[in-house]
Structures are given as structure tokens and as C-alpha cells.
């Protein structure tokens, strides 16, 4: 069975530039992504505080730091975009 409506341009291609405006759906997805990343960071740090096993504690702290870095990178990327207002 062949898939219809898919072309090589829409599968796995990278946009050369971000769009000048994002849709409401995209905005909601970005908000969710930021929330999930921040929550993962907080949970990893929280549970690391309860670990007796040093190796597991280190792994959780590293995971928390990774999610924190991803959160900060997302925010930095979003803040570097020129502000646009709908008029």
C-alpha cells in the first residue's frame, strides 16, 4: 500500500529559515516543549536528592543538567528572534 500526499520535500527536509510568523498550534507546541523540559529537569534534581546510590544520584543530576541546558537553549533561541506583533 502506497502513502499518498507525501513528497520528498516534506519528509525529513530542513527549513532554511524559520517562518516569520508561527501558528497558534506551533506556539502551543513550543510552550508544551518548554514546560516538559523544565519539568524533567526539576524532577531529575528532586529525585537525585533522595538517592543513596552515588552512581544513580550522579546520573540523575546529569540528566537534570542536560534538560536545564536544553530549556535555556530553547529560551535563548526564542529570545534572539526579532519581536513581531500582529497589527
N, C-alpha and C. Protein backbone atom coordinates (compact mmCIF):
# COMPACT_ATOMS: atom_id res chain seq x y z
N UNK A 1 0.84 -1.18 0.00
CA UNK A 1 0.00 0.00 0.00
C UNK A 1 0.88 1.24 0.00
N UNK A 2 0.64 2.15 -0.90
CA UNK A 2 1.45 3.36 -1.01
C UNK A 2 0.81 4.49 -0.23
N UNK A 3 1.67 5.32 0.35
CA UNK A 3 1.18 6.50 1.05
C UNK A 3 0.94 7.60 0.04
N UNK A 4 -0.15 8.29 0.22
CA UNK A 4 -0.46 9.40 -0.67
C UNK A 4 -0.20 10.71 0.04
N UNK A 5 0.17 11.71 -0.73
CA UNK A 5 0.32 13.04 -0.16
C UNK A 5 1.67 13.31 0.48
N UNK A 6 2.61 12.38 0.33
CA UNK A 6 3.93 12.65 0.89
C UNK A 6 4.91 12.83 -0.25
N UNK A 7 5.73 13.80 -0.13
CA UNK A 7 6.74 14.05 -1.13
C UNK A 7 8.09 14.16 -0.45
N UNK A 8 9.16 13.99 -1.20
CA UNK A 8 10.49 14.09 -0.59
C UNK A 8 10.74 15.45 0.06
N UNK A 9 10.07 16.49 -0.41
CA UNK A 9 10.29 17.82 0.15
C UNK A 9 9.71 17.95 1.55
N UNK A 10 8.67 17.20 1.86
CA UNK A 10 8.04 17.33 3.17
C UNK A 10 8.56 16.32 4.18
N UNK A 11 9.28 15.32 3.72
CA UNK A 11 9.79 14.31 4.64
C UNK A 11 11.26 14.54 4.93
N UNK A 12 11.56 14.88 6.17
CA UNK A 12 12.93 15.00 6.60
C UNK A 12 13.70 16.19 6.07
N UNK A 13 13.04 17.12 5.44
CA UNK A 13 13.76 18.29 4.95
C UNK A 13 13.89 19.33 6.05
N UNK A 14 14.90 20.15 5.94
CA UNK A 14 15.15 21.18 6.94
C UNK A 14 14.82 22.53 6.33
N UNK A 15 14.09 23.33 7.11
CA UNK A 15 13.76 24.68 6.64
C UNK A 15 15.02 25.52 6.63
N UNK A 16 15.28 26.27 5.56
CA UNK A 16 16.46 27.12 5.55
C UNK A 16 16.36 28.27 6.54
N UNK A 17 15.14 28.74 6.81
CA UNK A 17 14.91 29.83 7.76
C UNK A 17 13.61 29.54 8.51
N UNK A 18 13.51 29.99 9.74
CA UNK A 18 12.23 29.85 10.43
C UNK A 18 11.19 30.76 9.78
N UNK A 19 9.92 30.41 9.89
CA UNK A 19 8.89 31.28 9.31
C UNK A 19 8.84 32.61 10.06
N UNK A 20 8.33 33.64 9.40
CA UNK A 20 8.25 34.95 10.04
C UNK A 20 7.17 34.98 11.12
N UNK A 21 6.18 34.13 10.99
CA UNK A 21 5.12 34.02 12.00
C UNK A 21 4.91 32.54 12.30
N UNK A 22 4.57 32.24 13.53
CA UNK A 22 4.26 30.85 13.84
C UNK A 22 2.76 30.74 14.10
N UNK A 23 2.24 29.57 13.84
CA UNK A 23 0.81 29.34 14.02
C UNK A 23 0.51 29.17 15.51
N UNK A 24 -0.75 29.23 15.84
CA UNK A 24 -1.18 29.01 17.22
C UNK A 24 -0.79 27.61 17.66
N UNK A 25 -0.95 26.64 16.78
CA UNK A 25 -0.59 25.26 17.10
C UNK A 25 0.91 25.15 17.40
N UNK A 26 1.73 25.80 16.58
CA UNK A 26 3.18 25.79 16.83
C UNK A 26 3.51 26.46 18.16
N UNK A 27 2.86 27.57 18.45
CA UNK A 27 3.09 28.28 19.71
C UNK A 27 2.75 27.38 20.90
N UNK A 28 1.63 26.68 20.81
CA UNK A 28 1.23 25.79 21.90
C UNK A 28 2.22 24.64 22.05
N UNK A 29 2.72 24.12 20.93
CA UNK A 29 3.70 23.04 21.00
C UNK A 29 4.99 23.53 21.64
N UNK A 30 5.45 24.70 21.28
CA UNK A 30 6.67 25.26 21.87
C UNK A 30 6.48 25.46 23.38
N UNK A 31 5.32 25.96 23.77
CA UNK A 31 5.03 26.15 25.19
C UNK A 31 5.05 24.81 25.92
N UNK A 32 4.43 23.79 25.33
CA UNK A 32 4.45 22.45 25.94
C UNK A 32 5.87 21.92 26.04
N UNK A 33 6.66 22.09 24.97
CA UNK A 33 8.03 21.60 24.96
C UNK A 33 8.85 22.25 26.08
N UNK A 34 8.69 23.54 26.26
CA UNK A 34 9.41 24.23 27.33
C UNK A 34 8.97 23.70 28.69
N UNK A 35 7.67 23.51 28.86
CA UNK A 35 7.14 23.01 30.13
C UNK A 35 7.65 21.61 30.43
N UNK A 36 7.63 20.73 29.42
CA UNK A 36 8.09 19.35 29.63
C UNK A 36 9.57 19.31 29.97
N UNK A 37 10.35 20.12 29.30
CA UNK A 37 11.80 20.14 29.53
C UNK A 37 12.13 20.66 30.92
N UNK A 38 11.45 21.73 31.32
CA UNK A 38 11.68 22.28 32.66
C UNK A 38 11.23 21.30 33.74
N UNK A 39 10.09 20.64 33.53
CA UNK A 39 9.60 19.66 34.49
C UNK A 39 10.56 18.48 34.61
N UNK A 40 11.08 18.00 33.50
CA UNK A 40 12.04 16.89 33.53
C UNK A 40 13.29 17.28 34.32
N UNK A 41 13.75 18.51 34.13
CA UNK A 41 14.92 18.98 34.87
C UNK A 41 14.64 19.03 36.37
N UNK A 42 13.50 19.59 36.72
CA UNK A 42 13.14 19.69 38.14
C UNK A 42 12.98 18.33 38.79
N UNK A 43 12.34 17.39 38.09
CA UNK A 43 12.13 16.05 38.65
C UNK A 43 13.44 15.32 38.84
N UNK A 44 14.34 15.43 37.85
CA UNK A 44 15.63 14.75 37.97
C UNK A 44 16.40 15.28 39.18
N UNK A 45 16.43 16.60 39.36
CA UNK A 45 17.12 17.17 40.51
C UNK A 45 16.44 16.79 41.82
N UNK A 46 15.12 16.77 41.82
CA UNK A 46 14.37 16.41 43.02
C UNK A 46 14.69 14.98 43.45
N UNK A 47 14.58 14.04 42.50
CA UNK A 47 14.81 12.64 42.85
C UNK A 47 16.27 12.35 43.15
N UNK A 48 17.17 13.10 42.57
CA UNK A 48 18.59 12.91 42.89
C UNK A 48 18.85 13.20 44.37
N UNK A 49 18.08 14.11 44.93
CA UNK A 49 18.24 14.45 46.34
C UNK A 49 17.88 13.32 47.28
N UNK A 50 17.12 12.34 46.80
CA UNK A 50 16.70 11.22 47.65
C UNK A 50 17.54 9.97 47.43
N UNK A 51 18.48 10.02 46.49
CA UNK A 51 19.26 8.82 46.15
C UNK A 51 20.34 8.53 47.18
N UNK A 52 20.45 7.27 47.54
CA UNK A 52 21.53 6.80 48.40
C UNK A 52 22.69 6.30 47.54
N UNK A 53 22.37 5.82 46.34
CA UNK A 53 23.36 5.29 45.42
C UNK A 53 24.03 6.46 44.70
N UNK A 54 25.34 6.60 44.89
CA UNK A 54 26.07 7.74 44.33
C UNK A 54 26.04 7.75 42.81
N UNK A 55 26.12 6.57 42.19
CA UNK A 55 26.12 6.50 40.73
C UNK A 55 24.76 6.94 40.16
N UNK A 56 23.70 6.49 40.78
CA UNK A 56 22.36 6.88 40.34
C UNK A 56 22.13 8.37 40.58
N UNK A 57 22.60 8.87 41.71
CA UNK A 57 22.46 10.29 42.01
C UNK A 57 23.18 11.14 40.96
N UNK A 58 24.40 10.74 40.60
CA UNK A 58 25.17 11.46 39.59
C UNK A 58 24.46 11.43 38.23
N UNK A 59 23.92 10.27 37.88
CA UNK A 59 23.20 10.13 36.61
C UNK A 59 21.98 11.03 36.57
N UNK A 60 21.22 11.08 37.66
CA UNK A 60 20.04 11.94 37.71
C UNK A 60 20.42 13.42 37.66
N UNK A 61 21.48 13.78 38.35
CA UNK A 61 21.94 15.17 38.30
C UNK A 61 22.38 15.56 36.88
N UNK A 62 23.07 14.65 36.21
CA UNK A 62 23.49 14.92 34.83
C UNK A 62 22.28 15.05 33.91
N UNK A 63 21.28 14.21 34.11
CA UNK A 63 20.06 14.29 33.30
C UNK A 63 19.35 15.62 33.55
N UNK A 64 19.29 16.02 34.83
CA UNK A 64 18.67 17.30 35.16
C UNK A 64 19.41 18.47 34.54
N UNK A 65 20.74 18.42 34.57
CA UNK A 65 21.54 19.49 33.96
C UNK A 65 21.35 19.53 32.45
N UNK A 66 21.24 18.35 31.82
CA UNK A 66 21.03 18.30 30.38
C UNK A 66 19.69 18.95 30.02
N UNK A 67 18.63 18.62 30.76
CA UNK A 67 17.32 19.21 30.48
C UNK A 67 17.34 20.72 30.75
N UNK A 68 18.06 21.14 31.77
CA UNK A 68 18.18 22.57 32.05
C UNK A 68 18.88 23.30 30.91
N UNK A 69 19.95 22.70 30.39
CA UNK A 69 20.65 23.29 29.24
C UNK A 69 19.73 23.38 28.03
N UNK A 70 18.97 22.33 27.77
CA UNK A 70 18.05 22.34 26.63
C UNK A 70 17.00 23.44 26.80
N UNK A 71 16.48 23.58 28.01
CA UNK A 71 15.49 24.62 28.30
C UNK A 71 16.08 26.01 28.04
N UNK A 72 17.28 26.23 28.54
CA UNK A 72 17.95 27.53 28.36
C UNK A 72 18.27 27.80 26.89
N UNK A 73 18.67 26.75 26.15
CA UNK A 73 18.95 26.92 24.73
C UNK A 73 17.68 27.27 23.96
N UNK A 74 16.59 26.63 24.29
CA UNK A 74 15.32 26.96 23.64
C UNK A 74 14.92 28.40 23.92
N UNK A 75 15.02 28.80 25.17
CA UNK A 75 14.68 30.19 25.52
C UNK A 75 15.59 31.18 24.82
N UNK A 76 16.88 30.87 24.79
CA UNK A 76 17.83 31.77 24.13
C UNK A 76 17.50 31.89 22.64
N UNK A 77 17.19 30.78 22.01
CA UNK A 77 16.85 30.82 20.59
C UNK A 77 15.57 31.63 20.37
N UNK A 78 14.59 31.43 21.21
CA UNK A 78 13.33 32.17 21.06
C UNK A 78 13.52 33.66 21.33
N UNK A 79 14.35 34.00 22.29
CA UNK A 79 14.59 35.41 22.63
C UNK A 79 15.45 36.13 21.61
N UNK A 80 16.22 35.39 20.82
CA UNK A 80 17.07 36.00 19.80
C UNK A 80 16.29 36.38 18.55
N UNK A 81 15.07 35.91 18.43
CA UNK A 81 14.26 36.22 17.26
C UNK A 81 13.70 37.64 17.41
N UNK A 82 13.60 38.37 16.32
CA UNK A 82 13.04 39.72 16.43
C UNK A 82 11.59 39.67 16.89
N UNK A 83 11.23 40.60 17.74
CA UNK A 83 9.85 40.66 18.22
C UNK A 83 8.94 41.07 17.09
N UNK A 84 7.84 40.36 16.97
CA UNK A 84 6.88 40.67 15.93
C UNK A 84 5.51 40.77 16.58
N UNK A 85 4.79 41.77 16.19
CA UNK A 85 3.43 41.94 16.73
C UNK A 85 2.45 41.89 15.59
N UNK A 86 1.28 41.35 15.88
CA UNK A 86 0.21 41.33 14.89
C UNK A 86 -0.53 42.65 14.96
N UNK A 87 -0.76 43.26 13.83
CA UNK A 87 -1.45 44.54 13.81
C UNK A 87 -2.70 44.44 13.00
